[in-house]
Protein backbone atom coordinates (compact mmCIF):
# COMPACT_ATOMS: atom_id res chain seq x y z
CA MET A 1 -65.10 38.23 35.59
CA SER A 2 -62.01 39.85 36.88
CA ARG A 3 -61.55 37.05 39.37
CA ALA A 4 -61.47 34.63 36.66
CA LEU A 5 -58.78 36.34 34.90
CA PRO A 6 -55.84 35.37 36.99
CA LYS A 7 -56.80 31.63 36.48
CA TYR A 8 -56.89 32.09 33.04
CA ASN A 9 -53.79 33.72 32.58
CA LYS A 10 -52.20 31.19 34.75
CA ARG A 11 -53.58 28.48 32.40
CA ARG A 12 -52.21 30.38 29.58
CA VAL A 13 -48.72 30.50 31.09
CA VAL A 14 -48.80 26.59 31.80
CA MET A 15 -49.81 26.09 28.16
CA ILE A 16 -47.20 28.36 26.69
CA GLY A 17 -44.41 26.97 28.89
CA GLY A 18 -45.44 23.33 27.94
CA ALA A 19 -45.54 24.31 24.23
CA SER A 20 -41.84 25.76 24.74
CA ALA A 21 -40.59 22.58 26.44
CA VAL A 22 -41.90 20.64 23.53
CA VAL A 23 -40.17 22.99 20.95
CA LEU A 24 -37.14 22.95 22.90
CA SER A 25 -36.96 19.06 23.29
CA ALA A 26 -37.66 18.74 19.52
CA ALA A 27 -34.61 21.06 19.10
CA VAL A 28 -32.50 19.02 21.30
CA ILE A 29 -33.30 15.66 19.54
CA ALA A 30 -32.89 17.20 16.09
CA GLY A 31 -29.58 18.71 17.19
CA SER A 32 -28.53 15.10 18.63
CA ALA A 33 -29.59 13.57 15.44
CA LEU A 34 -27.54 15.99 13.15
CA ALA A 35 -24.54 15.52 15.41
CA GLY A 36 -24.82 11.74 15.28
CA GLU A 37 -25.10 12.02 11.51
CA SER A 38 -21.96 14.16 11.31
CA HIS A 39 -19.96 11.57 13.39
CA ASP A 40 -21.29 8.74 11.47
CA THR A 41 -20.39 10.65 8.04
CA ALA A 42 -16.75 11.50 9.47
CA GLN A 43 -16.30 7.97 10.82
CA ASN A 44 -17.36 6.42 7.21
CA ALA A 45 -15.05 8.81 5.69
CA THR A 46 -12.13 7.70 7.88
CA THR A 47 -13.01 3.98 7.37
CA LYS A 48 -13.05 4.69 3.49
CA ALA A 49 -9.71 6.34 3.73
CA ALA A 50 -8.29 3.35 5.48
CA ALA A 51 -9.85 1.01 3.04
CA ASN A 52 -8.35 2.64 -0.11
CA THR A 53 -4.81 2.23 -1.35
CA VAL A 54 -2.93 2.42 -4.73
CA ASN A 55 -2.64 -0.93 -6.78
CA CYS A 56 0.02 -1.31 -9.29
CA PRO A 57 1.16 -4.06 -11.68
CA ALA A 58 4.32 -5.96 -10.94
CA VAL A 59 7.38 -4.97 -12.69
CA ALA A 60 10.29 -7.27 -11.46
CA PRO A 61 8.65 -10.54 -12.64
CA SER A 62 8.20 -9.22 -15.92
CA LEU A 63 11.81 -8.38 -16.51
CA PRO A 64 14.30 -10.79 -18.49
CA ALA A 65 17.47 -11.81 -16.71
CA VAL A 66 19.46 -8.76 -15.74
CA PRO A 67 22.84 -8.31 -16.86
CA ALA A 68 25.54 -7.78 -13.93
CA SER A 69 26.44 -4.39 -15.40
CA ALA A 70 22.75 -3.12 -15.11
CA LYS A 71 21.92 -4.73 -11.78
CA ALA A 72 22.72 -1.86 -9.45
CA GLU A 73 20.77 0.53 -11.70
CA VAL A 74 17.77 -1.65 -12.12
CA ASP A 75 17.64 -2.19 -8.38
CA ARG A 76 17.79 1.35 -7.67
CA ASN A 77 14.75 2.07 -9.96
CA LEU A 78 12.83 -1.02 -8.81
CA ALA A 79 13.16 0.44 -5.17
CA LEU A 80 12.19 4.05 -6.60
CA LEU A 81 8.91 2.30 -7.87
CA ASN A 82 8.01 1.34 -4.27
CA THR A 83 8.91 4.72 -2.92
CA GLN A 84 6.51 6.32 -5.69
CA ILE A 85 3.68 3.96 -4.40
CA ALA A 86 4.28 4.73 -0.76
CA GLU A 87 4.20 8.52 -1.53
CA ALA A 88 0.91 8.07 -3.52
CA ASN A 89 -0.68 6.19 -0.63
CA LYS A 90 0.37 8.93 1.65
CA ARG A 91 -1.09 11.62 -0.60
CA LEU A 92 -4.25 9.48 -0.84
CA ALA A 93 -4.65 9.29 2.98
CA ASP A 94 -3.80 12.91 3.45
CA THR A 95 -6.34 14.30 0.74
CA VAL A 96 -9.45 12.30 1.81
CA GLY A 97 -12.66 14.22 0.93
CA GLN A 98 -10.78 16.87 -1.31
CA GLY A 99 -11.67 17.61 -4.91
CA GLY A 100 -14.36 16.27 -7.02
CA ALA A 101 -15.10 12.80 -8.50
CA ASN A 102 -11.92 12.68 -10.48
CA PHE A 103 -9.70 14.26 -7.93
CA VAL A 104 -7.95 10.75 -7.28
CA GLN A 105 -7.34 10.08 -10.84
CA ASN A 106 -6.14 13.59 -11.91
CA ALA A 107 -4.02 14.41 -8.82
CA ILE A 108 -2.75 11.09 -7.71
CA LEU A 109 -3.14 8.14 -10.10
CA GLY A 110 -2.10 10.17 -13.18
CA PRO A 111 0.98 11.62 -11.97
CA LEU A 112 2.08 8.26 -10.47
CA LYS A 113 1.49 6.80 -13.99
CA ASP A 114 3.85 9.36 -15.38
CA LYS A 115 6.44 8.75 -12.68
CA ARG A 116 6.48 4.97 -12.96
CA ALA A 117 6.45 5.29 -16.89
CA SER A 118 9.77 7.35 -16.66
CA THR A 119 11.23 4.73 -13.88
CA ILE A 120 10.14 1.72 -16.00
CA ASP A 121 11.72 3.27 -19.10
CA ARG A 122 15.05 3.70 -17.31
CA ILE A 123 15.00 0.05 -16.25
CA ALA A 124 14.36 -1.05 -19.78
CA ILE A 125 17.06 1.26 -21.13
CA SER A 126 19.66 0.14 -18.66
CA ILE A 127 19.01 -3.49 -19.59
CA GLY A 128 19.14 -2.56 -23.14
CA ARG A 129 22.83 -1.28 -23.09
CA THR A 130 24.08 -4.80 -22.78
CA ALA A 131 21.37 -6.99 -23.69
CA ALA A 132 17.99 -7.02 -25.51
CA LYS A 133 15.91 -4.08 -24.18
CA PRO A 134 12.56 -5.56 -22.89
CA GLN A 135 9.57 -4.49 -24.66
CA GLY A 136 6.00 -3.78 -23.49
CA LEU A 137 6.97 -2.68 -19.81
CA ASP A 138 5.31 0.50 -20.35
CA ALA A 139 1.90 -1.19 -20.02
CA LEU A 140 2.67 -1.77 -16.31
CA ALA A 141 2.93 2.03 -15.62
CA PRO A 142 -0.85 2.60 -14.81
CA CYS A 143 -2.28 1.82 -11.19
CA THR A 144 -5.79 1.71 -9.89
CA LEU A 145 -7.42 2.51 -6.62
CA GLY A 146 -8.05 -0.81 -4.47
CA THR A 147 -8.60 -1.82 -0.97
CA ALA A 148 -6.14 -2.00 1.79
CA GLY A 149 -4.46 -5.20 1.56
CA ALA A 150 -4.68 -5.52 -2.11
CA ALA A 151 -1.98 -2.82 -3.02
CA ALA A 152 1.04 -4.03 -5.00
CA GLY A 153 4.42 -2.91 -4.58
CA GLY A 154 6.16 -1.34 -7.43
CA ALA A 155 9.24 -3.48 -7.42
CA GLY A 156 7.27 -6.57 -8.45
CA ALA A 157 4.04 -6.97 -6.71
CA ALA A 158 1.33 -9.26 -8.04
CA SER A 159 -1.68 -7.02 -8.46
CA THR A 160 -4.05 -9.98 -8.37
CA ALA A 161 -5.54 -11.48 -5.25
CA PRO A 162 -7.32 -8.39 -3.76
CA SER A 163 -8.19 -10.49 -0.73
CA ALA A 164 -4.67 -11.09 0.25
CA PRO A 165 -3.84 -10.20 3.94
CA ALA A 166 -0.91 -8.13 2.90
CA THR A 167 0.70 -6.58 -0.36
CA ALA A 168 2.20 -9.35 -2.51
CA GLN A 169 5.52 -8.52 -3.83
CA ALA A 170 7.21 -10.91 -6.19
CA GLY A 171 10.74 -10.32 -7.49
CA GLY A 172 13.12 -11.77 -10.13
CA ALA A 173 12.97 -12.57 -13.80
CA ASP A 174 10.55 -15.31 -14.76
CA THR A 175 11.59 -18.25 -16.86
CA GLY A 176 9.37 -21.14 -18.34
CA ALA A 177 10.44 -23.44 -15.62
CA GLY A 178 9.99 -20.76 -12.70
CA ALA A 179 6.37 -20.13 -13.98
CA ALA A 180 5.82 -23.91 -13.94
CA ALA A 181 7.14 -24.08 -10.43
CA GLY A 182 5.26 -21.17 -9.24
CA THR A 183 6.51 -17.89 -8.01
CA ILE A 184 7.32 -16.28 -4.59
CA SER A 185 5.02 -13.56 -3.11
CA CYS A 186 6.19 -11.32 -0.27
CA PRO A 187 4.46 -8.61 1.46
CA ASP A 188 5.31 -5.18 0.37
CA VAL A 189 7.73 -3.27 2.69
CA ALA A 190 8.05 0.15 1.16
CA SER A 191 4.30 0.88 1.36
CA ARG A 192 4.23 0.22 4.92
CA LEU A 193 7.14 2.74 5.98
CA PRO A 194 6.29 5.87 7.54
CA ALA A 195 8.00 9.00 6.08
CA VAL A 196 11.78 8.33 5.72
CA PRO A 197 14.23 11.05 7.02
CA ALA A 198 16.40 12.37 4.40
CA SER A 199 19.46 11.00 6.37
CA ALA A 200 18.17 7.41 6.35
CA LYS A 201 16.81 7.52 2.68
CA ALA A 202 19.99 6.05 0.91
CA GLU A 203 20.24 3.17 3.59
CA VAL A 204 16.61 2.51 3.21
CA ASP A 205 16.60 2.43 -0.50
CA ARG A 206 19.67 -0.06 -0.44
CA ASN A 207 17.87 -2.48 1.81
CA LEU A 208 14.62 -2.13 -0.33
CA ALA A 209 16.58 -2.92 -3.40
CA LEU A 210 18.16 -5.93 -1.33
CA LEU A 211 14.61 -7.29 -0.52
CA ASN A 212 14.03 -7.48 -4.30
CA THR A 213 17.33 -9.15 -4.88
CA GLN A 214 16.59 -11.57 -2.19
CA ILE A 215 13.17 -12.47 -3.89
CA ALA A 216 14.80 -12.64 -7.27
CA GLU A 217 17.39 -15.23 -6.11
CA ALA A 218 14.74 -17.26 -4.33
CA ASN A 219 12.71 -17.34 -7.49
CA LYS A 220 15.76 -18.52 -9.38
CA ARG A 221 16.42 -21.10 -6.87
CA LEU A 222 12.70 -22.19 -7.02
CA ALA A 223 13.06 -22.56 -10.85
CA ASP A 224 16.47 -24.45 -10.81
CA THR A 225 15.24 -26.99 -8.09
CA VAL A 226 11.91 -27.97 -9.67
CA GLY A 227 11.41 -31.63 -8.66
CA GLN A 228 13.95 -31.92 -6.19
CA GLY A 229 13.47 -32.85 -2.44
CA GLY A 230 10.20 -33.90 -0.67
CA ALA A 231 7.00 -32.14 0.11
CA ASN A 232 8.68 -29.63 2.44
CA PHE A 233 11.73 -28.90 0.37
CA VAL A 234 10.38 -25.34 -0.86
CA GLN A 235 9.60 -24.41 2.67
CA ASN A 236 12.96 -25.63 4.25
CA ALA A 237 15.32 -24.79 1.45
CA ILE A 238 13.79 -21.69 -0.13
CA LEU A 239 11.02 -19.91 1.96
CA GLY A 240 12.58 -20.39 5.39
CA PRO A 241 16.00 -19.01 4.50
CA LEU A 242 14.43 -16.14 2.63
CA LYS A 243 12.15 -15.28 5.52
CA ASP A 244 15.46 -14.97 7.73
CA LYS A 245 17.07 -12.78 5.25
CA ARG A 246 14.22 -10.44 4.92
CA ALA A 247 13.74 -10.19 8.66
CA SER A 248 17.49 -9.04 9.14
CA THR A 249 17.02 -6.57 6.09
CA ILE A 250 13.57 -5.10 7.37
CA ASP A 251 15.13 -4.59 10.68
CA ARG A 252 18.00 -2.70 9.22
CA ILE A 253 15.54 -0.43 7.54
CA ALA A 254 13.62 0.04 10.94
CA ILE A 255 16.96 0.86 12.84
CA SER A 256 17.97 3.24 9.95
CA ILE A 257 14.58 5.30 10.26
CA GLY A 258 14.97 4.93 14.02
CA ARG A 259 18.15 6.94 14.25
CA THR A 260 16.50 10.22 13.58
CA ALA A 261 12.86 9.47 13.74
CA ALA A 262 10.33 7.20 15.55
CA LYS A 263 11.43 3.67 14.90
CA PRO A 264 8.65 1.71 12.98
CA THR A 265 7.38 -1.26 14.76
CA GLY A 266 5.59 -4.37 13.37
CA LEU A 267 7.45 -4.49 10.28
CA ASP A 268 8.74 -8.06 11.23
CA THR A 269 5.44 -9.43 10.15
CA LEU A 270 6.34 -8.80 6.51
CA ALA A 271 9.22 -11.16 6.49
CA ALA A 272 7.42 -14.37 5.77
CA CYS A 273 6.60 -15.13 1.99
CA THR A 274 4.56 -17.66 0.34
CA LEU A 275 4.65 -19.77 -2.86
CA ILE A 276 1.92 -18.94 -5.56
CA LYS A 277 1.19 -21.44 -8.07
């Protein structure tokens, strides 16, 4: 009887050891699954953050002809609308996963609407000093949360066409002829910029305003030349020259930022514009 005990004990040790190994293996598998799930969750959050952006109605195309005396102030405020959207997009990216269900509305879209309302009102007041004050622009203040590539630039972005490859930015005052001829849509630049150093802000803002002016001038030429030229007239006489002007202006923006910070790259892809009917 006593001789059988060691064999029994040995068998018991083997069984206990085997059970421990099974438990340990299960723990390892469960841990791996949790780690994988955590990684997937983080990756999904990152993907979601990259896909979301602020989408605002266009302002510049809704303006009447801007008096020469108001042009500088209007251009400054159109550029400021772009800056506000860029800042909101940065805050959106920096606060992924924070707050509750209404965090984006309360902390980002709500304050952005208030800022835009004030800026748009200044534009209307500026025009109204020497011409009829435009009405109904306050309806352009609210923004929504869209997908990357559908964001609209505050200076005059078309908030339609969410599947567009780049943010559509249209500038200039619409006329009946211009609407019939179509309008020029350009990728938004301000929302693609990194944080602008204080030393470069004034120059960057001037060039952002110049981009709006260039689009407005191209839209005016588009309206003034309806029916002229052949099939390639708009491309050769309007869109081509506009692309060259924008390329130079965008390069100046990059150089200005690059003097005191990392020079942004890839902005040259934003130079080309398209015609939207």
